[in-house]
PDB file of N, CA and C in Angstrom:
ATOM      1  N   MET A   1      90.605  90.348  97.549  1.00  0.00           N
ATOM      2  CA  MET A   1      91.721  90.461  98.485  1.00  0.00           C
ATOM      3  C   MET A   1      91.384  89.702  99.770  1.00  0.00           C
ATOM      4  N   THR A   2      92.293  88.898 100.248  1.00  0.00           N
ATOM      5  CA  THR A   2      92.091  88.109 101.450  1.00  0.00           C
ATOM      6  C   THR A   2      92.322  88.970 102.685  1.00  0.00           C
ATOM      7  N   THR A   3      91.374  88.902 103.615  1.00  0.00           N
ATOM      8  CA  THR A   3      91.490  89.622 104.875  1.00  0.00           C
ATOM      9  C   THR A   3      92.257  88.763 105.872  1.00  0.00           C
ATOM     10  N   ARG A   4      93.233  89.343 106.526  1.00  0.00           N
ATOM     11  CA  ARG A   4      94.009  88.633 107.539  1.00  0.00           C
ATOM     12  C   ARG A   4      93.259  88.654 108.859  1.00  0.00           C
ATOM     13  N   PRO A   5      93.367  87.594 109.650  1.00  0.00           N
ATOM     14  CA  PRO A   5      92.657  87.545 110.933  1.00  0.00           C
ATOM     15  C   PRO A   5      93.142  88.613 111.908  1.00  0.00           C
ATOM     16  N   SER A   6      92.190  89.194 112.627  1.00  0.00           N
ATOM     17  CA  SER A   6      92.527  90.102 113.726  1.00  0.00           C
ATOM     18  C   SER A   6      91.689  89.709 114.935  1.00  0.00           C
ATOM     19  N   ASN A   7      92.203  89.991 116.111  1.00  0.00           N
ATOM     20  CA  ASN A   7      91.592  89.551 117.364  1.00  0.00           C
ATOM     21  C   ASN A   7      90.580  90.593 117.842  1.00  0.00           C
ATOM     22  N   THR A   8      89.320  90.447 117.393  1.00  0.00           N
ATOM     23  CA  THR A   8      88.292  91.439 117.727  1.00  0.00           C
ATOM     24  C   THR A   8      87.038  90.841 118.357  1.00  0.00           C
ATOM     25  N   TYR A   9      86.992  89.536 118.551  1.00  0.00           N
ATOM     26  CA  TYR A   9      85.804  88.867 119.104  1.00  0.00           C
ATOM     27  C   TYR A   9      86.201  88.039 120.321  1.00  0.00           C
ATOM     28  N   PRO A  10      85.246  87.738 121.199  1.00  0.00           N
ATOM     29  CA  PRO A  10      85.576  86.920 122.376  1.00  0.00           C
ATOM     30  C   PRO A  10      85.845  85.447 122.046  1.00  0.00           C
ATOM     31  N   ARG A  11      85.150  84.921 121.011  1.00  0.00           N
ATOM     32  CA  ARG A  11      85.281  83.500 120.662  1.00  0.00           C
ATOM     33  C   ARG A  11      85.487  83.346 119.157  1.00  0.00           C
ATOM     34  N   TYR A  12      86.158  82.248 118.786  1.00  0.00           N
ATOM     35  CA  TYR A  12      86.528  82.013 117.386  1.00  0.00           C
ATOM     36  C   TYR A  12      86.412  80.544 117.002  1.00  0.00           C
ATOM     37  N   HIS A  13      86.295  80.336 115.708  1.00  0.00           N
ATOM     38  CA  HIS A  13      86.515  79.030 115.084  1.00  0.00           C
ATOM     39  C   HIS A  13      87.591  79.205 114.018  1.00  0.00           C
ATOM     40  N   ALA A  14      88.413  78.194 113.880  1.00  0.00           N
ATOM     41  CA  ALA A  14      89.321  78.075 112.736  1.00  0.00           C
ATOM     42  C   ALA A  14      88.979  76.755 112.066  1.00  0.00           C
ATOM     43  N   HIS A  15      88.734  76.792 110.769  1.00  0.00           N
ATOM     44  CA  HIS A  15      88.424  75.589 110.001  1.00  0.00           C
ATOM     45  C   HIS A  15      89.625  75.282 109.117  1.00  0.00           C
ATOM     46  N   VAL A  16      90.267  74.162 109.395  1.00  0.00           N
ATOM     47  CA  VAL A  16      91.418  73.716 108.619  1.00  0.00           C
ATOM     48  C   VAL A  16      90.880  72.853 107.482  1.00  0.00           C
ATOM     49  N   TYR A  17      91.134  73.261 106.245  1.00  0.00           N
ATOM     50  CA  TYR A  17      90.623  72.557 105.064  1.00  0.00           C
ATOM     51  C   TYR A  17      91.669  71.606 104.501  1.00  0.00           C
ATOM     52  N   PHE A  18      91.189  70.450 104.022  1.00  0.00           N
ATOM     53  CA  PHE A  18      92.093  69.430 103.495  1.00  0.00           C
ATOM     54  C   PHE A  18      91.347  68.525 102.523  1.00  0.00           C
ATOM     55  N   ASP A  19      92.103  67.629 101.907  1.00  0.00           N
ATOM     56  CA  ASP A  19      91.523  66.619 101.023  1.00  0.00           C
ATOM     57  C   ASP A  19      92.162  65.278 101.373  1.00  0.00           C
ATOM     58  N   GLU A  20      91.901  64.271 100.557  1.00  0.00           N
ATOM     59  CA  GLU A  20      92.407  62.932 100.855  1.00  0.00           C
ATOM     60  C   GLU A  20      93.930  62.912 100.969  1.00  0.00           C
ATOM     61  N   GLN A  21      94.610  63.658 100.111  1.00  0.00           N
ATOM     62  CA  GLN A  21      96.071  63.668 100.114  1.00  0.00           C
ATOM     63  C   GLN A  21      96.653  64.400 101.323  1.00  0.00           C
ATOM     64  N   SER A  22      95.923  65.353 101.871  1.00  0.00           N
ATOM     65  CA  SER A  22      96.443  66.137 102.998  1.00  0.00           C
ATOM     66  C   SER A  22      95.771  65.784 104.327  1.00  0.00           C
ATOM     67  N   LEU A  23      95.033  64.670 104.363  1.00  0.00           N
ATOM     68  CA  LEU A  23      94.334  64.248 105.581  1.00  0.00           C
ATOM     69  C   LEU A  23      95.291  64.069 106.756  1.00  0.00           C
ATOM     70  N   ALA A  24      96.389  63.366 106.560  1.00  0.00           N
ATOM     71  CA  ALA A  24      97.331  63.121 107.661  1.00  0.00           C
ATOM     72  C   ALA A  24      97.933  64.429 108.169  1.00  0.00           C
ATOM     73  N   LEU A  25      98.281  65.331 107.266  1.00  0.00           N
ATOM     74  CA  LEU A  25      98.824  66.632 107.655  1.00  0.00           C
ATOM     75  C   LEU A  25      97.808  67.421 108.471  1.00  0.00           C
ATOM     76  N   ALA A  26      96.580  67.508 107.986  1.00  0.00           N
ATOM     77  CA  ALA A  26      95.542  68.264 108.692  1.00  0.00           C
ATOM     78  C   ALA A  26      95.264  67.662 110.064  1.00  0.00           C
ATOM     79  N   THR A  27      95.214  66.340 110.134  1.00  0.00           N
ATOM     80  CA  THR A  27      94.988  65.668 111.415  1.00  0.00           C
ATOM     81  C   THR A  27      96.095  66.018 112.392  1.00  0.00           C
ATOM     82  N   SER A  28      97.328  65.985 111.940  1.00  0.00           N
ATOM     83  CA  SER A  28      98.466  66.318 112.792  1.00  0.00           C
ATOM     84  C   SER A  28      98.409  67.769 113.261  1.00  0.00           C
ATOM     85  N   ILE A  29      98.109  68.684 112.355  1.00  0.00           N
ATOM     86  CA  ILE A  29      98.016  70.101 112.714  1.00  0.00           C
ATOM     87  C   ILE A  29      96.942  70.312 113.775  1.00  0.00           C
ATOM     88  N   CYS A  30      95.778  69.726 113.569  1.00  0.00           N
ATOM     89  CA  CYS A  30      94.674  69.920 114.516  1.00  0.00           C
ATOM     90  C   CYS A  30      94.990  69.299 115.873  1.00  0.00           C
ATOM     91  N   GLU A  31      95.560  68.094 115.869  1.00  0.00           N
ATOM     92  CA  GLU A  31      95.927  67.455 117.135  1.00  0.00           C
ATOM     93  C   GLU A  31      96.986  68.266 117.875  1.00  0.00           C
ATOM     94  N   GLN A  32      97.988  68.758 117.153  1.00  0.00           N
ATOM     95  CA  GLN A  32      99.028  69.573 117.788  1.00  0.00           C
ATOM     96  C   GLN A  32      98.449  70.865 118.353  1.00  0.00           C
ATOM     97  N   ALA A  33      97.532  71.491 117.621  1.00  0.00           N
ATOM     98  CA  ALA A  33      96.898  72.723 118.116  1.00  0.00           C
ATOM     99  C   ALA A  33      96.170  72.450 119.424  1.00  0.00           C
ATOM    100  N   GLY A  34      95.458  71.332 119.485  1.00  0.00           N
ATOM    101  CA  GLY A  34      94.756  70.972 120.710  1.00  0.00           C
ATOM    102  C   GLY A  34      95.700  70.762 121.875  1.00  0.00           C
ATOM    103  N   GLU A  35      96.799  70.060 121.626  1.00  0.00           N
ATOM    104  CA  GLU A  35      97.764  69.764 122.682  1.00  0.00           C
ATOM    105  C   GLU A  35      98.542  71.001 123.119  1.00  0.00           C
ATOM    106  N   ARG A  36      99.005  71.800 122.170  1.00  0.00           N
ATOM    107  CA  ARG A  36      99.859  72.954 122.479  1.00  0.00           C
ATOM    108  C   ARG A  36      99.103  74.137 123.069  1.00  0.00           C
ATOM    109  N   PHE A  37      97.856  74.341 122.627  1.00  0.00           N
ATOM    110  CA  PHE A  37      97.137  75.565 122.971  1.00  0.00           C
ATOM    111  C   PHE A  37      95.834  75.323 123.721  1.00  0.00           C
ATOM    112  N   SER A  38      95.546  74.069 124.053  1.00  0.00           N
ATOM    113  CA  SER A  38      94.323  73.705 124.782  1.00  0.00           C
ATOM    114  C   SER A  38      93.067  74.218 124.090  1.00  0.00           C
ATOM    115  N   VAL A  39      93.067  74.164 122.758  1.00  0.00           N
ATOM    116  CA  VAL A  39      91.866  74.529 122.013  1.00  0.00           C
ATOM    117  C   VAL A  39      91.036  73.270 121.809  1.00  0.00           C
ATOM    118  N   LYS A  40      89.738  73.454 121.644  1.00  0.00           N
ATOM    119  CA  LYS A  40      88.850  72.320 121.400  1.00  0.00           C
ATOM    120  C   LYS A  40      88.980  71.917 119.934  1.00  0.00           C
ATOM    121  N   VAL A  41      89.254  70.638 119.708  1.00  0.00           N
ATOM    122  CA  VAL A  41      89.406  70.100 118.359  1.00  0.00           C
ATOM    123  C   VAL A  41      88.151  69.310 118.010  1.00  0.00           C
ATOM    124  N   GLY A  42      87.505  69.715 116.923  1.00  0.00           N
ATOM    125  CA  GLY A  42      86.307  69.022 116.473  1.00  0.00           C
ATOM    126  C   GLY A  42      86.651  67.786 115.659  1.00  0.00           C
ATOM    127  N   ARG A  43      85.621  67.212 115.058  1.00  0.00           N
ATOM    128  CA  ARG A  43      85.807  66.028 114.220  1.00  0.00           C
ATOM    129  C   ARG A  43      86.651  66.355 112.988  1.00  0.00           C
ATOM    130  N   ILE A  44      87.347  65.350 112.522  1.00  0.00           N
ATOM    131  CA  ILE A  44      88.055  65.431 111.247  1.00  0.00           C
ATOM    132  C   ILE A  44      87.041  64.964 110.199  1.00  0.00           C
ATOM    133  N   HIS A  45      86.336  65.904 109.595  1.00  0.00           N
ATOM    134  CA  HIS A  45      85.262  65.572 108.649  1.00  0.00           C
ATOM    135  C   HIS A  45      85.838  65.198 107.291  1.00  0.00           C
ATOM    136  N   GLN A  46      85.647  63.951 106.909  1.00  0.00           N
ATOM    137  CA  GLN A  46      86.070  63.487 105.590  1.00  0.00           C
ATOM    138  C   GLN A  46      84.876  63.506 104.642  1.00  0.00           C
ATOM    139  N   ARG A  47      84.145  64.583 104.715  1.00  0.00           N
ATOM    140  CA  ARG A  47      82.993  64.864 103.854  1.00  0.00           C
ATOM    141  C   ARG A  47      82.707  66.351 103.992  1.00  0.00           C
ATOM    142  N   LEU A  48      81.898  66.884 103.105  1.00  0.00           N
ATOM    143  CA  LEU A  48      81.530  68.297 103.198  1.00  0.00           C
ATOM    144  C   LEU A  48      80.484  68.471 104.290  1.00  0.00           C
ATOM    145  N   VAL A  49      80.659  69.485 105.123  1.00  0.00           N
ATOM    146  CA  VAL A  49      79.689  69.814 106.168  1.00  0.00           C
ATOM    147  C   VAL A  49      79.453  71.317 106.150  1.00  0.00           C
ATOM    148  N   GLY A  50      78.228  71.711 106.471  1.00  0.00           N
ATOM    149  CA  GLY A  50      77.893  73.131 106.549  1.00  0.00           C
ATOM    150  C   GLY A  50      78.252  73.865 105.273  1.00  0.00           C
ATOM    151  N   PRO A  51      78.775  75.073 105.401  1.00  0.00           N
ATOM    152  CA  PRO A  51      79.097  75.885 104.223  1.00  0.00           C
ATOM    153  C   PRO A  51      80.478  75.596 103.636  1.00  0.00           C
ATOM    154  N   HIS A  52      81.146  74.597 104.166  1.00  0.00           N
ATOM    155  CA  HIS A  52      82.559  74.397 103.854  1.00  0.00           C
ATOM    156  C   HIS A  52      82.761  73.649 102.534  1.00  0.00           C
ATOM    157  N   PRO A  53      83.655  74.163 101.668  1.00  0.00           N
ATOM    158  CA  PRO A  53      83.841  73.609 100.326  1.00  0.00           C
ATOM    159  C   PRO A  53      84.806  72.420 100.251  1.00  0.00           C
ATOM    160  N   ARG A  54      85.431  72.093 101.361  1.00  0.00           N
ATOM    161  CA  ARG A  54      86.360  70.957 101.416  1.00  0.00           C
ATOM    162  C   ARG A  54      86.166  70.234 102.738  1.00  0.00           C
ATOM    163  N   TRP A  55      86.763  69.080 102.862  1.00  0.00           N
ATOM    164  CA  TRP A  55      86.796  68.402 104.148  1.00  0.00           C
ATOM    165  C   TRP A  55      87.439  69.368 105.145  1.00  0.00           C
ATOM    166  N   SER A  56      87.071  69.234 106.431  1.00  0.00           N
ATOM    167  CA  SER A  56      87.566  70.223 107.387  1.00  0.00           C
ATOM    168  C   SER A  56      87.585  69.688 108.811  1.00  0.00           C
ATOM    169  N   CYS A  57      88.328  70.395 109.633  1.00  0.00           N
ATOM    170  CA  CYS A  57      88.340  70.183 111.074  1.00  0.00           C
ATOM    171  C   CYS A  57      88.228  71.550 111.733  1.00  0.00           C
ATOM    172  N   GLN A  58      87.347  71.655 112.720  1.00  0.00           N
ATOM    173  CA  GLN A  58      87.114  72.926 113.410  1.00  0.00           C
ATOM    174  C   GLN A  58      87.901  72.983 114.713  1.00  0.00           C
ATOM    175  N   LEU A  59      88.585  74.089 114.910  1.00  0.00           N
ATOM    176  CA  LEU A  59      89.231  74.403 116.180  1.00  0.00           C
ATOM    177  C   LEU A  59      88.426  75.514 116.835  1.00  0.00           C
ATOM    178  N   SER A  60      88.085  75.359 118.112  1.00  0.00           N
ATOM    179  CA  SER A  60      87.330  76.378 118.853  1.00  0.00           C
ATOM    180  C   SER A  60      88.239  76.964 119.919  1.00  0.00           C
ATOM    181  N   PHE A  61      88.254  78.305 119.999  1.00  0.00           N
ATOM    182  CA  PHE A  61      89.163  78.957 120.932  1.00  0.00           C
ATOM    183  C   PHE A  61      88.659  80.351 121.272  1.00  0.00           C
ATOM    184  N   ASP A  62      89.315  80.975 122.250  1.00  0.00           N
ATOM    185  CA  ASP A  62      88.892  82.308 122.680  1.00  0.00           C
ATOM    186  C   ASP A  62      89.950  83.355 122.319  1.00  0.00           C
ATOM    187  N   SER A  63      89.647  84.586 122.681  1.00  0.00           N
ATOM    188  CA  SER A  63      90.528  85.699 122.302  1.00  0.00           C
ATOM    189  C   SER A  63      91.894  85.629 122.989  1.00  0.00           C
ATOM    190  N   VAL A  64      91.969  84.987 124.146  1.00  0.00           N
ATOM    191  CA  VAL A  64      93.258  84.834 124.824  1.00  0.00           C
ATOM    192  C   VAL A  64      94.145  83.858 124.043  1.00  0.00           C
ATOM    193  N   GLN A  65      93.560  82.772 123.561  1.00  0.00           N
ATOM    194  CA  GLN A  65      94.310  81.775 122.794  1.00  0.00           C
ATOM    195  C   GLN A  65      94.663  82.273 121.389  1.00  0.00           C
ATOM    196  N   PHE A  66      93.868  83.191 120.860  1.00  0.00           N
ATOM    197  CA  PHE A  66      94.017  83.687 119.490  1.00  0.00           C
ATOM    198  C   PHE A  66      95.448  84.131 119.189  1.00  0.00           C
ATOM    199  N   ASP A  67      96.010  84.977 120.036  1.00  0.00           N
ATOM    200  CA  ASP A  67      97.309  85.597 119.757  1.00  0.00           C
ATOM    201  C   ASP A  67      98.475  84.608 119.757  1.00  0.00           C
ATOM    202  N   ARG A  68      98.299  83.450 120.376  1.00  0.00           N
ATOM    203  CA  ARG A  68      99.333  82.409 120.332  1.00  0.00           C
ATOM    204  C   ARG A  68      99.057  81.400 119.225  1.00  0.00           C
ATOM    205  N   LEU A  69      97.777  81.044 119.059  1.00  0.00           N
ATOM    206  CA  LEU A  69      97.411  80.014 118.086  1.00  0.00           C
ATOM    207  C   LEU A  69      97.601  80.462 116.643  1.00  0.00           C
ATOM    208  N   LEU A  70      97.143  81.675 116.299  1.00  0.00           N
ATOM    209  CA  LEU A  70      97.152  82.088 114.890  1.00  0.00           C
ATOM    210  C   LEU A  70      98.555  82.162 114.282  1.00  0.00           C
ATOM    211  N   PRO A  71      99.542  82.725 114.957  1.00  0.00           N
ATOM    212  CA  PRO A  71     100.894  82.696 114.371  1.00  0.00           C
ATOM    213  C   PRO A  71     101.415  81.263 114.188  1.00  0.00           C
ATOM    214  N   TRP A  72     101.085  80.387 115.132  1.00  0.00           N
ATOM    215  CA  TRP A  72     101.506  78.992 115.010  1.00  0.00           C
ATOM    216  C   TRP A  72     100.821  78.324 113.818  1.00  0.00           C
ATOM    217  N   LEU A  73      99.497  78.547 113.667  1.00  0.00           N
ATOM    218  CA  LEU A  73      98.786  77.987 112.512  1.00  0.00           C
ATOM    219  C   LEU A  73      99.386  78.493 111.203  1.00  0.00           C
ATOM    220  N   GLU A  74      99.663  79.782 111.137  1.00  0.00           N
ATOM    221  CA  GLU A  74     100.249  80.355 109.921  1.00  0.00           C
ATOM    222  C   GLU A  74     101.591  79.695 109.602  1.00  0.00           C
ATOM    223  N   ALA A  75     102.395  79.467 110.607  1.00  0.00           N
ATOM    224  CA  ALA A  75     103.723  78.891 110.398  1.00  0.00           C
ATOM    225  C   ALA A  75     103.693  77.396 110.100  1.00  0.00           C
ATOM    226  N   ASN A  76     102.614  76.709 110.483  1.00  0.00           N
ATOM    227  CA  ASN A  76     102.586  75.252 110.395  1.00  0.00           C
ATOM    228  C   ASN A  76     101.529  74.674 109.464  1.00  0.00           C
ATOM    229  N   ARG A  77     100.763  75.497 108.782  1.00  0.00           N
ATOM    230  CA  ARG A  77      99.658  74.996 107.949  1.00  0.00           C
ATOM    231  C   ARG A  77     100.137  74.351 106.653  1.00  0.00           C
ATOM    232  N   GLN A  78     101.379  74.559 106.270  1.00  0.00           N
ATOM    233  CA  GLN A  78     102.013  73.899 105.122  1.00  0.00           C
ATOM    234  C   GLN A  78     101.157  73.940 103.855  1.00  0.00           C
ATOM    235  N   GLY A  79     100.628  75.111 103.570  1.00  0.00           N
ATOM    236  CA  GLY A  79      99.865  75.298 102.340  1.00  0.00           C
ATOM    237  C   GLY A  79      98.377  75.059 102.460  1.00  0.00           C
ATOM    238  N   LEU A  80      97.907  74.525 103.579  1.00  0.00           N
ATOM    239  CA  LEU A  80      96.473  74.324 103.751  1.00  0.00           C
ATOM    240  C   LEU A  80      95.788  75.666 103.981  1.00  0.00           C
ATOM    241  N   SER A  81      94.570  75.793 103.493  1.00  0.00           N
ATOM    242  CA  SER A  81      93.769  76.993 103.749  1.00  0.00           C
ATOM    243  C   SER A  81      93.073  76.851 105.092  1.00  0.00           C
ATOM    244  N   VAL A  82      93.019  77.955 105.833  1.00  0.00           N
ATOM    245  CA  VAL A  82      92.369  77.967 107.137  1.00  0.00           C
ATOM    246  C   VAL A  82      91.442  79.173 107.195  1.00  0.00           C
ATOM    247  N   LEU A  83      90.159  78.915 107.419  1.00  0.00           N
ATOM    248  CA  LEU A  83      89.173  79.972 107.640  1.00  0.00           C
ATOM    249  C   LEU A  83      89.142  80.276 109.127  1.00  0.00           C
ATOM    250  N   VAL A  84      89.264  81.540 109.487  1.00  0.00           N
ATOM    251  CA  VAL A  84      89.185  81.976 110.881  1.00  0.00           C
ATOM    252  C   VAL A  84      88.035  82.964 110.974  1.00  0.00           C
ATOM    253  N   HIS A  85      87.109  82.726 111.916  1.00  0.00           N
ATOM    254  CA  HIS A  85      85.989  83.660 112.054  1.00  0.00           C
ATOM    255  C   HIS A  85      85.550  83.791 113.503  1.00  0.00           C
ATOM    256  N   GLY A  86      85.015  84.955 113.816  1.00  0.00           N
ATOM    257  CA  GLY A  86      84.426  85.176 115.117  1.00  0.00           C
ATOM    258  C   GLY A  86      83.160  84.347 115.268  1.00  0.00           C
ATOM    259  N   VAL A  87      82.797  84.067 116.510  1.00  0.00           N
ATOM    260  CA  VAL A  87      81.561  83.344 116.814  1.00  0.00           C
ATOM    261  C   VAL A  87      80.661  84.309 117.570  1.00  0.00           C
ATOM    262  N   THR A  88      79.676  84.866 116.847  1.00  0.00           N
ATOM    263  CA  THR A  88      78.807  85.891 117.426  1.00  0.00           C
ATOM    264  C   THR A  88      77.355  85.463 117.538  1.00  0.00           C
ATOM    265  N   GLY A  89      77.015  84.307 116.956  1.00  0.00           N
ATOM    266  CA  GLY A  89      75.625  83.879 116.911  1.00  0.00           C
ATOM    267  C   GLY A  89      74.946  84.205 115.599  1.00  0.00           C
ATOM    268  N   ASP A  90      75.600  84.977 114.753  1.00  0.00           N
ATOM    269  CA  ASP A  90      75.087  85.300 113.417  1.00  0.00           C
ATOM    270  C   ASP A  90      75.934  84.514 112.415  1.00  0.00           C
ATOM    271  N   ASP A  91      75.455  83.314 112.052  1.00  0.00           N
ATOM    272  CA  ASP A  91      76.255  82.422 111.208  1.00  0.00           C
ATOM    273  C   ASP A  91      76.624  83.041 109.867  1.00  0.00           C
ATOM    274  N   LEU A  92      75.706  83.769 109.256  1.00  0.00           N
ATOM    275  CA  LEU A  92      76.006  84.392 107.969  1.00  0.00           C
ATOM    276  C   LEU A  92      77.142  85.403 108.112  1.00  0.00           C
ATOM    277  N   ALA A  93      77.025  86.303 109.074  1.00  0.00           N
ATOM    278  CA  ALA A  93      78.083  87.299 109.288  1.00  0.00           C
ATOM    279  C   ALA A  93      79.394  86.637 109.715  1.00  0.00           C
ATOM    280  N   ASP A  94      79.291  85.626 110.575  1.00  0.00           N
ATOM    281  CA  ASP A  94      80.508  84.957 111.048  1.00  0.00           C
ATOM    282  C   ASP A  94      81.305  84.354 109.895  1.00  0.00           C
ATOM    283  N   HIS A  95      80.602  83.812 108.894  1.00  0.00           N
ATOM    284  CA  HIS A  95      81.275  83.157 107.773  1.00  0.00           C
ATOM    285  C   HIS A  95      81.518  84.096 106.586  1.00  0.00           C
ATOM    286  N   SER A  96      81.164  85.373 106.734  1.00  0.00           N
ATOM    287  CA  SER A  96      81.388  86.335 105.644  1.00  0.00           C
ATOM    288  C   SER A  96      82.114  87.566 106.180  1.00  0.00           C
ATOM    289  N   THR A  97      81.397  88.501 106.771  1.00  0.00           N
ATOM    290  CA  THR A  97      82.031  89.748 107.216  1.00  0.00           C
ATOM    291  C   THR A  97      82.971  89.559 108.406  1.00  0.00           C
ATOM    292  N   HIS A  98      82.768  88.523 109.214  1.00  0.00           N
ATOM    293  CA  HIS A  98      83.643  88.258 110.360  1.00  0.00           C
ATOM    294  C   HIS A  98      84.731  87.247 110.021  1.00  0.00           C
ATOM    295  N   ALA A  99      84.867  86.896 108.738  1.00  0.00           N
ATOM    296  CA  ALA A  99      85.784  85.835 108.321  1.00  0.00           C
ATOM    297  C   ALA A  99      87.100  86.396 107.786  1.00  0.00           C
ATOM    298  N   ALA A 100      88.162  85.653 108.018  1.00  0.00           N
ATOM    299  CA  ALA A 100      89.488  85.978 107.492  1.00  0.00           C
ATOM    300  C   ALA A 100      90.185  84.655 107.177  1.00  0.00           C
ATOM    301  N   TRP A 101      91.288  84.748 106.470  1.00  0.00           N
ATOM    302  CA  TRP A 101      91.925  83.538 105.952  1.00  0.00           C
ATOM    303  C   TRP A 101      93.420  83.495 106.215  1.00  0.00           C
ATOM    304  N   LEU A 102      93.901  82.280 106.452  1.00  0.00           N
ATOM    305  CA  LEU A 102      95.319  81.952 106.364  1.00  0.00           C
ATOM    306  C   LEU A 102      95.428  81.115 105.099  1.00  0.00           C
ATOM    307  N   GLY A 103      96.203  81.565 104.147  1.00  0.00           N
ATOM    308  CA  GLY A 103      96.295  80.849 102.879  1.00  0.00           C
ATOM    309  C   GLY A 103      95.237  81.300 101.904  1.00  0.00           C
ATOM    310  N   ASP A 104      94.953  80.444 100.931  1.00  0.00           N
ATOM    311  CA  ASP A 104      94.001  80.785  99.882  1.00  0.00           C
ATOM    312  C   ASP A 104      92.579  80.873 100.420  1.00  0.00           C
ATOM    313  N   GLU A 105      91.877  81.920 100.018  1.00  0.00           N
ATOM    314  CA  GLU A 105      90.462  82.071 100.356  1.00  0.00           C
ATOM    315  C   GLU A 105      89.654  81.151  99.454  1.00  0.00           C
ATOM    316  N   LEU A 106      88.731  80.405 100.044  1.00  0.00           N
ATOM    317  CA  LEU A 106      87.891  79.470  99.305  1.00  0.00           C
ATOM    318  C   LEU A 106      86.445  79.945  99.351  1.00  0.00           C
ATOM    319  N   PRO A 107      85.671  79.694  98.297  1.00  0.00           N
ATOM    320  CA  PRO A 107      84.266  80.111  98.298  1.00  0.00           C
ATOM    321  C   PRO A 107      83.439  79.230  99.233  1.00  0.00           C
ATOM    322  N   LEU A 108      82.683  79.860 100.110  1.00  0.00           N
ATOM    323  CA  LEU A 108      81.806  79.137 101.034  1.00  0.00           C
ATOM    324  C   LEU A 108      80.390  79.105 100.483  1.00  0.00           C
ATOM    325  N   ASN A 109      79.613  78.105 100.873  1.00  0.00           N
ATOM    326  CA  ASN A 109      78.209  78.006 100.496  1.00  0.00           C
ATOM    327  C   ASN A 109      77.378  78.756 101.539  1.00  0.00           C
ATOM    328  N   LEU A 110      77.277  80.061 101.376  1.00  0.00           N
ATOM    329  CA  LEU A 110      76.575  80.892 102.356  1.00  0.00           C
ATOM    330  C   LEU A 110      75.066  80.856 102.184  1.00  0.00           C
ATOM    331  N   ALA A 111      74.573  80.285 101.087  1.00  0.00           N
ATOM    332  CA  ALA A 111      73.127  80.240 100.837  1.00  0.00           C
ATOM    333  C   ALA A 111      72.392  79.539 101.967  1.00  0.00           C
ATOM    334  N   MET A 112      73.023  78.581 102.605  1.00  0.00           N
ATOM    335  CA  MET A 112      72.361  77.845 103.685  1.00  0.00           C
ATOM    336  C   MET A 112      72.014  78.751 104.875  1.00  0.00           C
ATOM    337  N   PHE A 113      72.693  79.871 105.020  1.00  0.00           N
ATOM    338  CA  PHE A 113      72.428  80.799 106.119  1.00  0.00           C
ATOM    339  C   PHE A 113      71.390  81.853 105.755  1.00  0.00           C
ATOM    340  N   LYS A 114      70.964  81.888 104.509  1.00  0.00           N
ATOM    341  CA  LYS A 114      70.059  82.937 104.039  1.00  0.00           C
ATOM    342  C   LYS A 114      68.609  82.484 103.961  1.00  0.00           C
ATOM    343  N   THR A 115      68.286  81.321 104.515  1.00  0.00           N
ATOM    344  CA  THR A 115      66.909  80.819 104.452  1.00  0.00           C
ATOM    345  C   THR A 115      66.098  81.258 105.636  1.00  0.00           C
TER     346      THR A 115
END
């Protein structure tokens, strides 16, 4: 069962997942999020990075931005999966127990955090 995001942490990341066919859509979503909500937009990674199973772009934001950004992301993601997680300094927990999804939940490579 997919857990829906809730605003319980001071800082967050949202990872917008995409592939070659949805690159333009993901780029537009991330750029619009940055412009509309003053969130920090990371690189548009056209390769796998970290624990992420698809190409991705990271949005960084705080709990004040959360309540405006998340409904907008849900309404505008157009079928893309988005991982939303708290940023607590515990990468394993942040990407597992502190994680929630907009759209389909995708399996993450959490083994990298267990070394």
